[in-house]
PDB file of N, CA and C in Angstrom:
ATOM      1  N   UNK A   1       0.878  -1.093   0.015  1.00  0.00           N
ATOM      2  CA  UNK A   1       0.046   0.073  -0.059  1.00  0.00           C
ATOM      3  C   UNK A   1       0.992   1.434  -0.029  1.00  0.00           C
ATOM      4  N   UNK A   2       0.119   2.268  -0.818  1.00  0.00           N
ATOM      5  CA  UNK A   2       1.565   3.497  -0.733  1.00  0.00           C
ATOM      6  C   UNK A   2       0.774   4.824  -0.357  1.00  0.00           C
ATOM      7  N   UNK A   3      -0.559   5.022  -0.595  1.00  0.00           N
ATOM      8  CA  UNK A   3      -1.277   6.313  -0.494  1.00  0.00           C
ATOM      9  C   UNK A   3      -2.686   6.066   0.311  1.00  0.00           C
ATOM     10  N   UNK A   4      -2.748   7.130   1.457  1.00  0.00           N
ATOM     11  CA  UNK A   4      -4.531   6.807   1.937  1.00  0.00           C
ATOM     12  C   UNK A   4      -5.050   7.996   1.512  1.00  0.00           C
ATOM     13  N   UNK A   5      -6.198   8.267   1.484  1.00  0.00           N
ATOM     14  CA  UNK A   5      -6.844   9.415   1.030  1.00  0.00           C
ATOM     15  C   UNK A   5      -8.036   9.261   2.178  1.00  0.00           C
ATOM     16  N   UNK A   6      -8.124   9.773   3.349  1.00  0.00           N
ATOM     17  CA  UNK A   6      -9.630  10.129   3.831  1.00  0.00           C
ATOM     18  C   UNK A   6     -10.616  10.923   2.345  1.00  0.00           C
ATOM     19  N   UNK A   7     -11.765  10.066   2.884  1.00  0.00           N
ATOM     20  CA  UNK A   7     -13.260  10.187   2.259  1.00  0.00           C
ATOM     21  C   UNK A   7     -14.210  11.145   3.352  1.00  0.00           C
ATOM     22  N   UNK A   8     -14.674  12.411   3.413  1.00  0.00           N
ATOM     23  CA  UNK A   8     -14.956  13.121   3.877  1.00  0.00           C
ATOM     24  C   UNK A   8     -16.343  13.308   3.823  1.00  0.00           C
ATOM     25  N   UNK A   9     -17.428  13.153   4.382  1.00  0.00           N
ATOM     26  CA  UNK A   9     -19.080  13.714   3.932  1.00  0.00           C
ATOM     27  C   UNK A   9     -18.987  15.373   4.294  1.00  0.00           C
ATOM     28  N   UNK A  10     -19.874  15.425   3.399  1.00  0.00           N
ATOM     29  CA  UNK A  10     -20.182  17.159   3.291  1.00  0.00           C
ATOM     30  C   UNK A  10     -21.311  17.579   2.728  1.00  0.00           C
ATOM     31  N   UNK A  11     -21.949  18.395   3.091  1.00  0.00           N
ATOM     32  CA  UNK A  11     -23.463  18.849   2.869  1.00  0.00           C
ATOM     33  C   UNK A  11     -23.250  19.551   1.324  1.00  0.00           C
ATOM     34  N   UNK A  12     -21.876  20.172   1.166  1.00  0.00           N
ATOM     35  CA  UNK A  12     -22.193  21.032  -0.034  1.00  0.00           C
ATOM     36  C   UNK A  12     -20.212  20.666  -0.616  1.00  0.00           C
ATOM     37  N   UNK A  13     -19.788  20.082  -1.504  1.00  0.00           N
ATOM     38  CA  UNK A  13     -18.777  19.609  -1.792  1.00  0.00           C
ATOM     39  C   UNK A  13     -17.977  21.309  -2.219  1.00  0.00           C
ATOM     40  N   UNK A  14     -18.649  22.222  -2.763  1.00  0.00           N
ATOM     41  CA  UNK A  14     -17.904  23.281  -3.544  1.00  0.00           C
ATOM     42  C   UNK A  14     -17.897  24.290  -2.251  1.00  0.00           C
ATOM     43  N   UNK A  15     -19.027  24.126  -1.285  1.00  0.00           N
ATOM     44  CA  UNK A  15     -18.572  25.185  -0.296  1.00  0.00           C
ATOM     45  C   UNK A  15     -17.423  24.465   0.965  1.00  0.00           C
ATOM     46  N   UNK A  16     -17.231  23.062   0.633  1.00  0.00           N
ATOM     47  CA  UNK A  16     -16.531  22.275   1.822  1.00  0.00           C
ATOM     48  C   UNK A  16     -14.754  22.848   0.921  1.00  0.00           C
ATOM     49  N   UNK A  17     -14.484  23.005  -0.287  1.00  0.00           N
ATOM     50  CA  UNK A  17     -13.839  23.466  -0.762  1.00  0.00           C
ATOM     51  C   UNK A  17     -13.399  24.915  -0.591  1.00  0.00           C
ATOM     52  N   UNK A  18     -13.967  25.348  -0.545  1.00  0.00           N
ATOM     53  CA  UNK A  18     -13.877  26.954   0.023  1.00  0.00           C
ATOM     54  C   UNK A  18     -13.740  27.024   1.190  1.00  0.00           C
ATOM     55  N   UNK A  19     -13.878  26.529   2.236  1.00  0.00           N
ATOM     56  CA  UNK A  19     -13.522  26.624   3.514  1.00  0.00           C
ATOM     57  C   UNK A  19     -12.383  25.933   3.403  1.00  0.00           C
ATOM     58  N   UNK A  20     -11.849  25.084   3.287  1.00  0.00           N
ATOM     59  CA  UNK A  20     -10.618  24.272   3.370  1.00  0.00           C
ATOM     60  C   UNK A  20      -9.742  25.141   2.513  1.00  0.00           C
ATOM     61  N   UNK A  21      -9.986  25.810   1.037  1.00  0.00           N
ATOM     62  CA  UNK A  21      -8.823  26.547   0.724  1.00  0.00           C
ATOM     63  C   UNK A  21      -8.697  28.055   1.313  1.00  0.00           C
ATOM     64  N   UNK A  22      -9.788  28.487   2.288  1.00  0.00           N
ATOM     65  CA  UNK A  22      -9.726  30.097   2.698  1.00  0.00           C
ATOM     66  C   UNK A  22      -9.461  30.190   4.207  1.00  0.00           C
ATOM     67  N   UNK A  23      -9.934  29.007   4.800  1.00  0.00           N
ATOM     68  CA  UNK A  23      -9.262  28.871   5.879  1.00  0.00           C
ATOM     69  C   UNK A  23      -8.332  27.856   6.818  1.00  0.00           C
ATOM     70  N   UNK A  24      -8.244  26.654   5.481  1.00  0.00           N
ATOM     71  CA  UNK A  24      -6.948  25.772   6.504  1.00  0.00           C
ATOM     72  C   UNK A  24      -5.821  25.418   5.195  1.00  0.00           C
ATOM     73  N   UNK A  25      -6.005  26.424   4.419  1.00  0.00           N
ATOM     74  CA  UNK A  25      -4.440  27.060   3.265  1.00  0.00           C
ATOM     75  C   UNK A  25      -4.557  25.460   2.738  1.00  0.00           C
ATOM     76  N   UNK A  26      -5.349  24.785   1.964  1.00  0.00           N
ATOM     77  CA  UNK A  26      -5.406  23.530   0.845  1.00  0.00           C
ATOM     78  C   UNK A  26      -6.190  24.399  -0.227  1.00  0.00           C
ATOM     79  N   UNK A  27      -5.190  23.469  -1.355  1.00  0.00           N
ATOM     80  CA  UNK A  27      -5.774  23.978  -2.664  1.00  0.00           C
ATOM     81  C   UNK A  27      -6.626  23.289  -3.375  1.00  0.00           C
ATOM     82  N   UNK A  28      -7.976  23.711  -4.057  1.00  0.00           N
ATOM     83  CA  UNK A  28      -8.812  22.830  -4.475  1.00  0.00           C
ATOM     84  C   UNK A  28      -8.221  22.149  -5.817  1.00  0.00           C
ATOM     85  N   UNK A  29      -8.426  20.677  -5.561  1.00  0.00           N
ATOM     86  CA  UNK A  29      -7.565  19.690  -7.081  1.00  0.00           C
ATOM     87  C   UNK A  29      -8.509  19.515  -7.829  1.00  0.00           C
ATOM     88  N   UNK A  30      -9.991  19.160  -7.837  1.00  0.00           N
ATOM     89  CA  UNK A  30     -11.001  18.874  -8.517  1.00  0.00           C
ATOM     90  C   UNK A  30     -12.669  18.749  -7.963  1.00  0.00           C
ATOM     91  N   UNK A  31     -13.102  18.720  -8.621  1.00  0.00           N
ATOM     92  CA  UNK A  31     -14.601  18.567  -8.529  1.00  0.00           C
ATOM     93  C   UNK A  31     -15.545  17.878  -9.602  1.00  0.00           C
ATOM     94  N   UNK A  32     -15.991  17.342  -9.334  1.00  0.00           N
ATOM     95  CA  UNK A  32     -17.013  16.039 -10.094  1.00  0.00           C
ATOM     96  C   UNK A  32     -18.507  16.352 -10.114  1.00  0.00           C
ATOM     97  N   UNK A  33     -18.982  16.735 -10.923  1.00  0.00           N
ATOM     98  CA  UNK A  33     -20.460  17.209 -10.939  1.00  0.00           C
ATOM     99  C   UNK A  33     -20.766  17.929  -9.716  1.00  0.00           C
ATOM    100  N   UNK A  34     -21.746  17.819  -8.694  1.00  0.00           N
ATOM    101  CA  UNK A  34     -21.968  18.791  -7.322  1.00  0.00           C
ATOM    102  C   UNK A  34     -21.509  17.485  -6.203  1.00  0.00           C
ATOM    103  N   UNK A  35     -21.160  16.724  -6.553  1.00  0.00           N
ATOM    104  CA  UNK A  35     -21.173  15.107  -5.592  1.00  0.00           C
ATOM    105  C   UNK A  35     -19.608  15.087  -4.900  1.00  0.00           C
ATOM    106  N   UNK A  36     -18.273  15.001  -5.749  1.00  0.00           N
ATOM    107  CA  UNK A  36     -17.306  14.367  -5.369  1.00  0.00           C
ATOM    108  C   UNK A  36     -16.339  15.886  -5.361  1.00  0.00           C
ATOM    109  N   UNK A  37     -15.299  15.966  -4.455  1.00  0.00           N
ATOM    110  CA  UNK A  37     -14.177  16.744  -4.822  1.00  0.00           C
ATOM    111  C   UNK A  37     -12.974  16.581  -4.176  1.00  0.00           C
ATOM    112  N   UNK A  38     -12.175  17.089  -4.124  1.00  0.00           N
ATOM    113  CA  UNK A  38     -10.820  16.856  -3.996  1.00  0.00           C
ATOM    114  C   UNK A  38      -9.805  17.979  -3.378  1.00  0.00           C
ATOM    115  N   UNK A  39      -9.007  18.102  -1.788  1.00  0.00           N
ATOM    116  CA  UNK A  39      -8.060  19.286  -1.882  1.00  0.00           C
ATOM    117  C   UNK A  39      -6.871  18.231  -1.256  1.00  0.00           C
ATOM    118  N   UNK A  40      -6.113  19.473  -1.213  1.00  0.00           N
ATOM    119  CA  UNK A  40      -4.708  18.745  -0.946  1.00  0.00           C
ATOM    120  C   UNK A  40      -3.861  20.331  -0.122  1.00  0.00           C
ATOM    121  N   UNK A  41      -2.966  19.919   0.348  1.00  0.00           N
ATOM    122  CA  UNK A  41      -1.746  20.946   1.312  1.00  0.00           C
ATOM    123  C   UNK A  41      -0.863  20.057   1.652  1.00  0.00           C
ATOM    124  N   UNK A  42       0.475  20.322   0.837  1.00  0.00           N
ATOM    125  CA  UNK A  42       1.392  19.140   1.072  1.00  0.00           C
ATOM    126  C   UNK A  42       1.535  17.793   0.801  1.00  0.00           C
ATOM    127  N   UNK A  43       1.354  16.944   1.493  1.00  0.00           N
ATOM    128  CA  UNK A  43       1.405  15.546   1.146  1.00  0.00           C
ATOM    129  C   UNK A  43      -0.005  15.073   1.696  1.00  0.00           C
ATOM    130  N   UNK A  44      -0.998  16.108   2.329  1.00  0.00           N
ATOM    131  CA  UNK A  44      -2.325  15.521   2.469  1.00  0.00           C
ATOM    132  C   UNK A  44      -3.269  15.684   1.441  1.00  0.00           C
ATOM    133  N   UNK A  45      -4.068  15.130   1.139  1.00  0.00           N
ATOM    134  CA  UNK A  45      -4.970  15.018   0.454  1.00  0.00           C
ATOM    135  C   UNK A  45      -6.640  14.571   1.007  1.00  0.00           C
ATOM    136  N   UNK A  46      -7.321  15.149   0.529  1.00  0.00           N
ATOM    137  CA  UNK A  46      -9.102  15.137   1.239  1.00  0.00           C
ATOM    138  C   UNK A  46      -9.839  14.917   0.046  1.00  0.00           C
ATOM    139  N   UNK A  47     -10.314  13.937   0.048  1.00  0.00           N
ATOM    140  CA  UNK A  47     -12.097  13.463  -0.719  1.00  0.00           C
ATOM    141  C   UNK A  47     -13.092  13.850  -0.094  1.00  0.00           C
ATOM    142  N   UNK A  48     -13.995  14.780  -0.922  1.00  0.00           N
ATOM    143  CA  UNK A  48     -15.059  15.150  -0.353  1.00  0.00           C
ATOM    144  C   UNK A  48     -16.599  14.415  -1.201  1.00  0.00           C
ATOM    145  N   UNK A  49     -17.379  13.849  -0.404  1.00  0.00           N
ATOM    146  CA  UNK A  49     -18.512  13.138  -1.240  1.00  0.00           C
ATOM    147  C   UNK A  49     -19.825  14.281  -0.185  1.00  0.00           C
ATOM    148  N   UNK A  50     -21.265  14.418  -1.126  1.00  0.00           N
ATOM    149  CA  UNK A  50     -21.912  14.841  -0.934  1.00  0.00           C
ATOM    150  C   UNK A  50     -23.177  13.802  -0.101  1.00  0.00           C
ATOM    151  N   UNK A  51     -23.336  14.338   1.074  1.00  0.00           N
ATOM    152  CA  UNK A  51     -24.793  13.884   1.818  1.00  0.00           C
ATOM    153  C   UNK A  51     -24.883  14.818   2.458  1.00  0.00           C
ATOM    154  N   UNK A  52     -26.660  14.001   2.144  1.00  0.00           N
ATOM    155  CA  UNK A  52     -27.763  15.585   2.853  1.00  0.00           C
ATOM    156  C   UNK A  52     -27.239  15.495   4.460  1.00  0.00           C
ATOM    157  N   UNK A  53     -27.213  14.546   5.051  1.00  0.00           N
ATOM    158  CA  UNK A  53     -26.782  14.191   6.412  1.00  0.00           C
ATOM    159  C   UNK A  53     -25.501  13.839   7.003  1.00  0.00           C
ATOM    160  N   UNK A  54     -24.856  14.603   6.581  1.00  0.00           N
ATOM    161  CA  UNK A  54     -23.079  13.821   6.603  1.00  0.00           C
ATOM    162  C   UNK A  54     -22.709  13.443   8.263  1.00  0.00           C
ATOM    163  N   UNK A  55     -22.142  12.200   7.974  1.00  0.00           N
ATOM    164  CA  UNK A  55     -21.493  11.411   9.340  1.00  0.00           C
ATOM    165  C   UNK A  55     -20.161  12.103   9.537  1.00  0.00           C
ATOM    166  N   UNK A  56     -19.861  12.958  10.257  1.00  0.00           N
ATOM    167  CA  UNK A  56     -18.413  13.177  10.523  1.00  0.00           C
ATOM    168  C   UNK A  56     -17.746  12.134  11.042  1.00  0.00           C
ATOM    169  N   UNK A  57     -16.232  12.300  10.632  1.00  0.00           N
ATOM    170  CA  UNK A  57     -15.132  11.886  11.247  1.00  0.00           C
ATOM    171  C   UNK A  57     -13.927  12.688  11.918  1.00  0.00           C
ATOM    172  N   UNK A  58     -13.418  11.693  12.062  1.00  0.00           N
ATOM    173  CA  UNK A  58     -12.139  12.126  12.642  1.00  0.00           C
ATOM    174  C   UNK A  58     -10.631  11.571  12.144  1.00  0.00           C
ATOM    175  N   UNK A  59      -9.807  12.626  11.894  1.00  0.00           N
ATOM    176  CA  UNK A  59      -8.372  12.530  11.055  1.00  0.00           C
ATOM    177  C   UNK A  59      -7.277  13.135  11.423  1.00  0.00           C
ATOM    178  N   UNK A  60      -6.329  12.059  11.942  1.00  0.00           N
ATOM    179  CA  UNK A  60      -5.095  13.061  12.369  1.00  0.00           C
ATOM    180  C   UNK A  60      -4.515  13.199  11.470  1.00  0.00           C
ATOM    181  N   UNK A  61      -3.645  14.572  11.451  1.00  0.00           N
ATOM    182  CA  UNK A  61      -2.444  14.719  10.818  1.00  0.00           C
ATOM    183  C   UNK A  61      -1.259  15.459  11.602  1.00  0.00           C
ATOM    184  N   UNK A  62      -0.209  14.678  10.952  1.00  0.00           N
ATOM    185  CA  UNK A  62       1.305  15.052  11.618  1.00  0.00           C
ATOM    186  C   UNK A  62       2.041  15.747  10.742  1.00  0.00           C
ATOM    187  N   UNK A  63       2.416  17.476  11.446  1.00  0.00           N
ATOM    188  CA  UNK A  63       2.807  18.222  10.809  1.00  0.00           C
ATOM    189  C   UNK A  63       4.111  18.709  11.080  1.00  0.00           C
ATOM    190  N   UNK A  64       5.630  19.354  10.732  1.00  0.00           N
ATOM    191  CA  UNK A  64       6.415  19.573  11.589  1.00  0.00           C
ATOM    192  C   UNK A  64       6.268  20.361  12.461  1.00  0.00           C
ATOM    193  N   UNK A  65       5.185  21.665  12.270  1.00  0.00           N
ATOM    194  CA  UNK A  65       5.449  22.571  13.713  1.00  0.00           C
ATOM    195  C   UNK A  65       3.977  22.963  13.933  1.00  0.00           C
ATOM    196  N   UNK A  66       3.029  22.296  14.639  1.00  0.00           N
ATOM    197  CA  UNK A  66       2.069  21.964  15.083  1.00  0.00           C
ATOM    198  C   UNK A  66       1.810  23.601  15.934  1.00  0.00           C
ATOM    199  N   UNK A  67       2.874  24.328  16.198  1.00  0.00           N
ATOM    200  CA  UNK A  67       1.957  25.625  16.930  1.00  0.00           C
ATOM    201  C   UNK A  67       1.725  26.441  15.686  1.00  0.00           C
ATOM    202  N   UNK A  68       2.682  26.454  14.782  1.00  0.00           N
ATOM    203  CA  UNK A  68       2.863  27.359  13.383  1.00  0.00           C
ATOM    204  C   UNK A  68       1.201  27.114  12.833  1.00  0.00           C
ATOM    205  N   UNK A  69       0.990  25.875  12.235  1.00  0.00           N
ATOM    206  CA  UNK A  69      -0.337  25.549  12.174  1.00  0.00           C
ATOM    207  C   UNK A  69      -1.774  26.164  12.971  1.00  0.00           C
ATOM    208  N   UNK A  70      -1.445  26.243  14.516  1.00  0.00           N
ATOM    209  CA  UNK A  70      -2.726  26.447  15.481  1.00  0.00           C
ATOM    210  C   UNK A  70      -2.474  27.881  14.796  1.00  0.00           C
ATOM    211  N   UNK A  71      -1.282  28.748  14.965  1.00  0.00           N
ATOM    212  CA  UNK A  71      -1.373  30.119  14.769  1.00  0.00           C
ATOM    213  C   UNK A  71      -2.026  30.082  13.827  1.00  0.00           C
ATOM    214  N   UNK A  72      -1.663  29.697  12.353  1.00  0.00           N
ATOM    215  CA  UNK A  72      -2.561  30.121  11.188  1.00  0.00           C
ATOM    216  C   UNK A  72      -4.090  30.048  11.102  1.00  0.00           C
ATOM    217  N   UNK A  73      -4.384  28.869  11.715  1.00  0.00           N
ATOM    218  CA  UNK A  73      -5.577  28.488  11.847  1.00  0.00           C
ATOM    219  C   UNK A  73      -6.452  29.274  12.743  1.00  0.00           C
ATOM    220  N   UNK A  74      -6.043  29.541  13.844  1.00  0.00           N
ATOM    221  CA  UNK A  74      -6.864  30.588  14.832  1.00  0.00           C
ATOM    222  C   UNK A  74      -6.813  31.870  14.063  1.00  0.00           C
ATOM    223  N   UNK A  75      -5.857  32.742  13.213  1.00  0.00           N
ATOM    224  CA  UNK A  75      -6.058  33.390  13.042  1.00  0.00           C
ATOM    225  C   UNK A  75      -6.781  33.542  11.558  1.00  0.00           C
ATOM    226  N   UNK A  76      -7.037  32.380  10.851  1.00  0.00           N
ATOM    227  CA  UNK A  76      -8.283  32.593   9.722  1.00  0.00           C
ATOM    228  C   UNK A  76      -9.251  32.151  10.530  1.00  0.00           C
ATOM    229  N   UNK A  77      -9.786  31.618  11.596  1.00  0.00           N
ATOM    230  CA  UNK A  77     -11.174  31.687  12.016  1.00  0.00           C
ATOM    231  C   UNK A  77     -11.631  30.466  12.040  1.00  0.00           C
ATOM    232  N   UNK A  78     -10.443  29.038  12.296  1.00  0.00           N
ATOM    233  CA  UNK A  78     -10.702  28.118  11.804  1.00  0.00           C
ATOM    234  C   UNK A  78     -11.660  27.639  13.787  1.00  0.00           C
ATOM    235  N   UNK A  79     -12.591  26.842  13.710  1.00  0.00           N
ATOM    236  CA  UNK A  79     -13.496  26.382  14.639  1.00  0.00           C
ATOM    237  C   UNK A  79     -12.203  25.531  15.697  1.00  0.00           C
ATOM    238  N   UNK A  80     -11.595  26.085  16.710  1.00  0.00           N
ATOM    239  CA  UNK A  80     -10.500  25.340  17.326  1.00  0.00           C
ATOM    240  C   UNK A  80     -11.134  24.500  18.798  1.00  0.00           C
ATOM    241  N   UNK A  81     -11.463  23.050  18.470  1.00  0.00           N
ATOM    242  CA  UNK A  81     -12.286  22.233  19.729  1.00  0.00           C
ATOM    243  C   UNK A  81     -11.696  22.353  20.968  1.00  0.00           C
ATOM    244  N   UNK A  82     -10.131  21.971  20.620  1.00  0.00           N
ATOM    245  CA  UNK A  82      -9.160  21.483  21.766  1.00  0.00           C
ATOM    246  C   UNK A  82      -8.067  22.546  21.751  1.00  0.00           C
ATOM    247  N   UNK A  83      -7.556  23.085  22.581  1.00  0.00           N
ATOM    248  CA  UNK A  83      -6.480  24.056  22.323  1.00  0.00           C
ATOM    249  C   UNK A  83      -5.273  23.359  21.956  1.00  0.00           C
ATOM    250  N   UNK A  84      -4.217  24.104  21.720  1.00  0.00           N
ATOM    251  CA  UNK A  84      -2.957  23.273  21.610  1.00  0.00           C
ATOM    252  C   UNK A  84      -2.606  22.997  22.908  1.00  0.00           C
ATOM    253  N   UNK A  85      -1.604  21.610  23.098  1.00  0.00           N
ATOM    254  CA  UNK A  85      -1.130  21.720  24.425  1.00  0.00           C
ATOM    255  C   UNK A  85      -0.299  20.008  24.209  1.00  0.00           C
ATOM    256  N   UNK A  86       0.466  19.823  24.938  1.00  0.00           N
ATOM    257  CA  UNK A  86       1.478  19.059  25.205  1.00  0.00           C
ATOM    258  C   UNK A  86       0.789  17.587  25.659  1.00  0.00           C
ATOM    259  N   UNK A  87       0.729  16.270  25.112  1.00  0.00           N
ATOM    260  CA  UNK A  87      -0.236  15.190  25.357  1.00  0.00           C
ATOM    261  C   UNK A  87       0.901  14.611  25.945  1.00  0.00           C
ATOM    262  N   UNK A  88       0.250  13.403  26.838  1.00  0.00           N
ATOM    263  CA  UNK A  88       1.491  12.376  27.889  1.00  0.00           C
ATOM    264  C   UNK A  88       1.756  11.320  26.760  1.00  0.00           C
ATOM    265  N   UNK A  89       1.246  11.545  25.664  1.00  0.00           N
ATOM    266  CA  UNK A  89       1.670  10.441  24.390  1.00  0.00           C
ATOM    267  C   UNK A  89       2.723  10.896  23.191  1.00  0.00           C
ATOM    268  N   UNK A  90       3.568  11.711  24.103  1.00  0.00           N
ATOM    269  CA  UNK A  90       4.342  12.960  23.223  1.00  0.00           C
ATOM    270  C   UNK A  90       4.293  13.530  22.037  1.00  0.00           C
ATOM    271  N   UNK A  91       2.886  14.093  21.718  1.00  0.00           N
ATOM    272  CA  UNK A  91       2.485  14.831  20.790  1.00  0.00           C
ATOM    273  C   UNK A  91       2.254  16.187  21.373  1.00  0.00           C
ATOM    274  N   UNK A  92       2.721  17.093  20.647  1.00  0.00           N
ATOM    275  CA  UNK A  92       1.658  18.531  20.878  1.00  0.00           C
ATOM    276  C   UNK A  92       0.697  18.515  19.999  1.00  0.00           C
ATOM    277  N   UNK A  93      -0.529  18.843  20.564  1.00  0.00           N
ATOM    278  CA  UNK A  93      -1.213  18.957  19.166  1.00  0.00           C
ATOM    279  C   UNK A  93      -2.446  19.768  19.985  1.00  0.00           C
ATOM    280  N   UNK A  94      -3.717  19.951  18.979  1.00  0.00           N
ATOM    281  CA  UNK A  94      -4.674  20.578  18.675  1.00  0.00           C
ATOM    282  C   UNK A  94      -5.687  20.095  17.841  1.00  0.00           C
ATOM    283  N   UNK A  95      -6.992  20.413  18.183  1.00  0.00           N
ATOM    284  CA  UNK A  95      -8.078  19.863  16.988  1.00  0.00           C
ATOM    285  C   UNK A  95      -8.871  20.837  17.167  1.00  0.00           C
ATOM    286  N   UNK A  96      -9.470  20.429  15.375  1.00  0.00           N
ATOM    287  CA  UNK A  96      -9.892  21.605  14.885  1.00  0.00           C
ATOM    288  C   UNK A  96     -11.471  20.926  14.431  1.00  0.00           C
ATOM    289  N   UNK A  97     -12.165  21.824  13.693  1.00  0.00           N
ATOM    290  CA  UNK A  97     -14.011  20.833  13.474  1.00  0.00           C
ATOM    291  C   UNK A  97     -14.452  21.807  12.453  1.00  0.00           C
ATOM    292  N   UNK A  98     -14.663  21.218  11.177  1.00  0.00           N
ATOM    293  CA  UNK A  98     -15.049  22.244   9.901  1.00  0.00           C
ATOM    294  C   UNK A  98     -16.804  22.437  10.019  1.00  0.00           C
ATOM    295  N   UNK A  99     -16.971  22.905   9.255  1.00  0.00           N
ATOM    296  CA  UNK A  99     -18.681  23.307   9.098  1.00  0.00           C
ATOM    297  C   UNK A  99     -19.468  22.062   9.017  1.00  0.00           C
ATOM    298  N   UNK A 100     -19.054  20.805   8.773  1.00  0.00           N
ATOM    299  CA  UNK A 100     -19.937  19.669   8.510  1.00  0.00           C
ATOM    300  C   UNK A 100     -19.648  18.569   9.847  1.00  0.00           C
ATOM    301  N   UNK A 101     -18.730  19.253  10.551  1.00  0.00           N
ATOM    302  CA  UNK A 101     -18.403  18.535  11.749  1.00  0.00           C
ATOM    303  C   UNK A 101     -17.164  17.858  11.513  1.00  0.00           C
ATOM    304  N   UNK A 102     -16.633  17.675  11.099  1.00  0.00           N
ATOM    305  CA  UNK A 102     -15.401  16.665  10.411  1.00  0.00           C
ATOM    306  C   UNK A 102     -14.226  17.170  11.593  1.00  0.00           C
ATOM    307  N   UNK A 103     -13.404  16.782  12.248  1.00  0.00           N
ATOM    308  CA  UNK A 103     -12.532  17.191  13.233  1.00  0.00           C
ATOM    309  C   UNK A 103     -11.014  16.595  12.712  1.00  0.00           C
ATOM    310  N   UNK A 104     -10.131  17.120  13.151  1.00  0.00           N
ATOM    311  CA  UNK A 104      -9.049  16.900  12.780  1.00  0.00           C
ATOM    312  C   UNK A 104      -7.878  17.366  13.869  1.00  0.00           C
ATOM    313  N   UNK A 105      -7.405  16.225  14.317  1.00  0.00           N
ATOM    314  CA  UNK A 105      -6.102  16.365  15.465  1.00  0.00           C
ATOM    315  C   UNK A 105      -5.145  16.589  14.750  1.00  0.00           C
ATOM    316  N   UNK A 106      -3.998  17.544  15.213  1.00  0.00           N
ATOM    317  CA  UNK A 106      -3.477  17.741  13.893  1.00  0.00           C
ATOM    318  C   UNK A 106      -2.086  17.881  15.382  1.00  0.00           C
ATOM    319  N   UNK A 107      -0.705  17.779  14.922  1.00  0.00           N
ATOM    320  CA  UNK A 107       0.112  17.693  15.964  1.00  0.00           C
ATOM    321  C   UNK A 107       1.295  17.410  15.713  1.00  0.00           C
ATOM    322  N   UNK A 108       2.521  17.504  16.256  1.00  0.00           N
ATOM    323  CA  UNK A 108       3.893  16.920  15.873  1.00  0.00           C
ATOM    324  C   UNK A 108       3.960  16.338  16.991  1.00  0.00           C
ATOM    325  N   UNK A 109       5.470  15.992  17.179  1.00  0.00           N
ATOM    326  CA  UNK A 109       6.345  14.611  18.132  1.00  0.00           C
ATOM    327  C   UNK A 109       7.263  14.218  17.557  1.00  0.00           C
ATOM    328  N   UNK A 110       8.307  14.304  18.757  1.00  0.00           N
ATOM    329  CA  UNK A 110       9.522  13.635  18.023  1.00  0.00           C
ATOM    330  C   UNK A 110      10.197  12.585  18.990  1.00  0.00           C
ATOM    331  N   UNK A 111       8.993  12.182  19.605  1.00  0.00           N
ATOM    332  CA  UNK A 111       9.738  11.011  20.897  1.00  0.00           C
ATOM    333  C   UNK A 111       9.628   9.955  20.015  1.00  0.00           C
ATOM    334  N   UNK A 112      10.492   9.096  19.723  1.00  0.00           N
ATOM    335  CA  UNK A 112      10.243   7.630  18.837  1.00  0.00           C
ATOM    336  C   UNK A 112       9.088   6.607  20.106  1.00  0.00           C
ATOM    337  N   UNK A 113       8.509   5.977  19.439  1.00  0.00           N
ATOM    338  CA  UNK A 113       7.177   5.111  20.044  1.00  0.00           C
ATOM    339  C   UNK A 113       7.655   4.460  20.863  1.00  0.00           C
ATOM    340  N   UNK A 114       8.743   3.689  20.829  1.00  0.00           N
ATOM    341  CA  UNK A 114       9.656   2.503  21.400  1.00  0.00           C
ATOM    342  C   UNK A 114       9.953   3.393  23.303  1.00  0.00           C
ATOM    343  N   UNK A 115      10.358   4.988  22.979  1.00  0.00           N
ATOM    344  CA  UNK A 115      10.414   5.377  24.150  1.00  0.00           C
ATOM    345  C   UNK A 115       9.480   6.094  24.863  1.00  0.00           C
ATOM    346  N   UNK A 116       8.610   5.800  24.547  1.00  0.00           N
ATOM    347  CA  UNK A 116       7.284   6.310  25.297  1.00  0.00           C
ATOM    348  C   UNK A 116       6.837   5.606  26.467  1.00  0.00           C
ATOM    349  N   UNK A 117       6.590   5.954  27.547  1.00  0.00           N
ATOM    350  CA  UNK A 117       6.449   5.144  28.792  1.00  0.00           C
ATOM    351  C   UNK A 117       4.730   4.267  28.265  1.00  0.00           C
ATOM    352  N   UNK A 118       4.518   3.307  29.072  1.00  0.00           N
ATOM    353  CA  UNK A 118       3.236   2.385  29.105  1.00  0.00           C
ATOM    354  C   UNK A 118       3.045   2.096  27.519  1.00  0.00           C
ATOM    355  N   UNK A 119       3.592   1.547  26.816  1.00  0.00           N
ATOM    356  CA  UNK A 119       3.385   1.933  25.416  1.00  0.00           C
ATOM    357  C   UNK A 119       3.924   0.535  24.763  1.00  0.00           C
ATOM    358  N   UNK A 120       3.197  -0.334  24.344  1.00  0.00           N
ATOM    359  CA  UNK A 120       3.598  -1.687  23.518  1.00  0.00           C
ATOM    360  C   UNK A 120       3.636  -1.018  22.346  1.00  0.00           C
ATOM    361  N   UNK A 121       5.179  -1.838  21.665  1.00  0.00           N
ATOM    362  CA  UNK A 121       5.806  -1.447  20.683  1.00  0.00           C
ATOM    363  C   UNK A 121       5.687  -2.853  19.754  1.00  0.00           C
ATOM    364  N   UNK A 122       5.481  -3.092  18.415  1.00  0.00           N
ATOM    365  CA  UNK A 122       5.316  -4.153  17.574  1.00  0.00           C
ATOM    366  C   UNK A 122       6.342  -3.878  16.867  1.00  0.00           C
ATOM    367  N   UNK A 123       7.034  -4.788  16.583  1.00  0.00           N
ATOM    368  CA  UNK A 123       8.219  -5.068  15.444  1.00  0.00           C
ATOM    369  C   UNK A 123       7.614  -5.483  14.074  1.00  0.00           C
TER     370      UNK A 123
END
């Protein structure tokens, strides 16, 4: 396997693409009819599918500098549902929610999993 692309349910694909472009700094990649579309930023690509009653999902994104992304998203008016903080699992992260309820946990960490306390690491 090489590449995973989350598919998020949204009420309006074009509106979701506009939000991700204007608030979260993504580039609109494509839209097909009004039911499907995609955005991307760096190595992250997201697909959207139109649903009348979206079922929100949670996606984790790993970045080089969570504090910089946090400052950018806060300045752009993103809904931050969990402020940035150091987590016990050696991640510095925060959580945002998009207008359709999809959540993104965004963070960075430099500690290898094998060095974390109380964690089982499988080789």
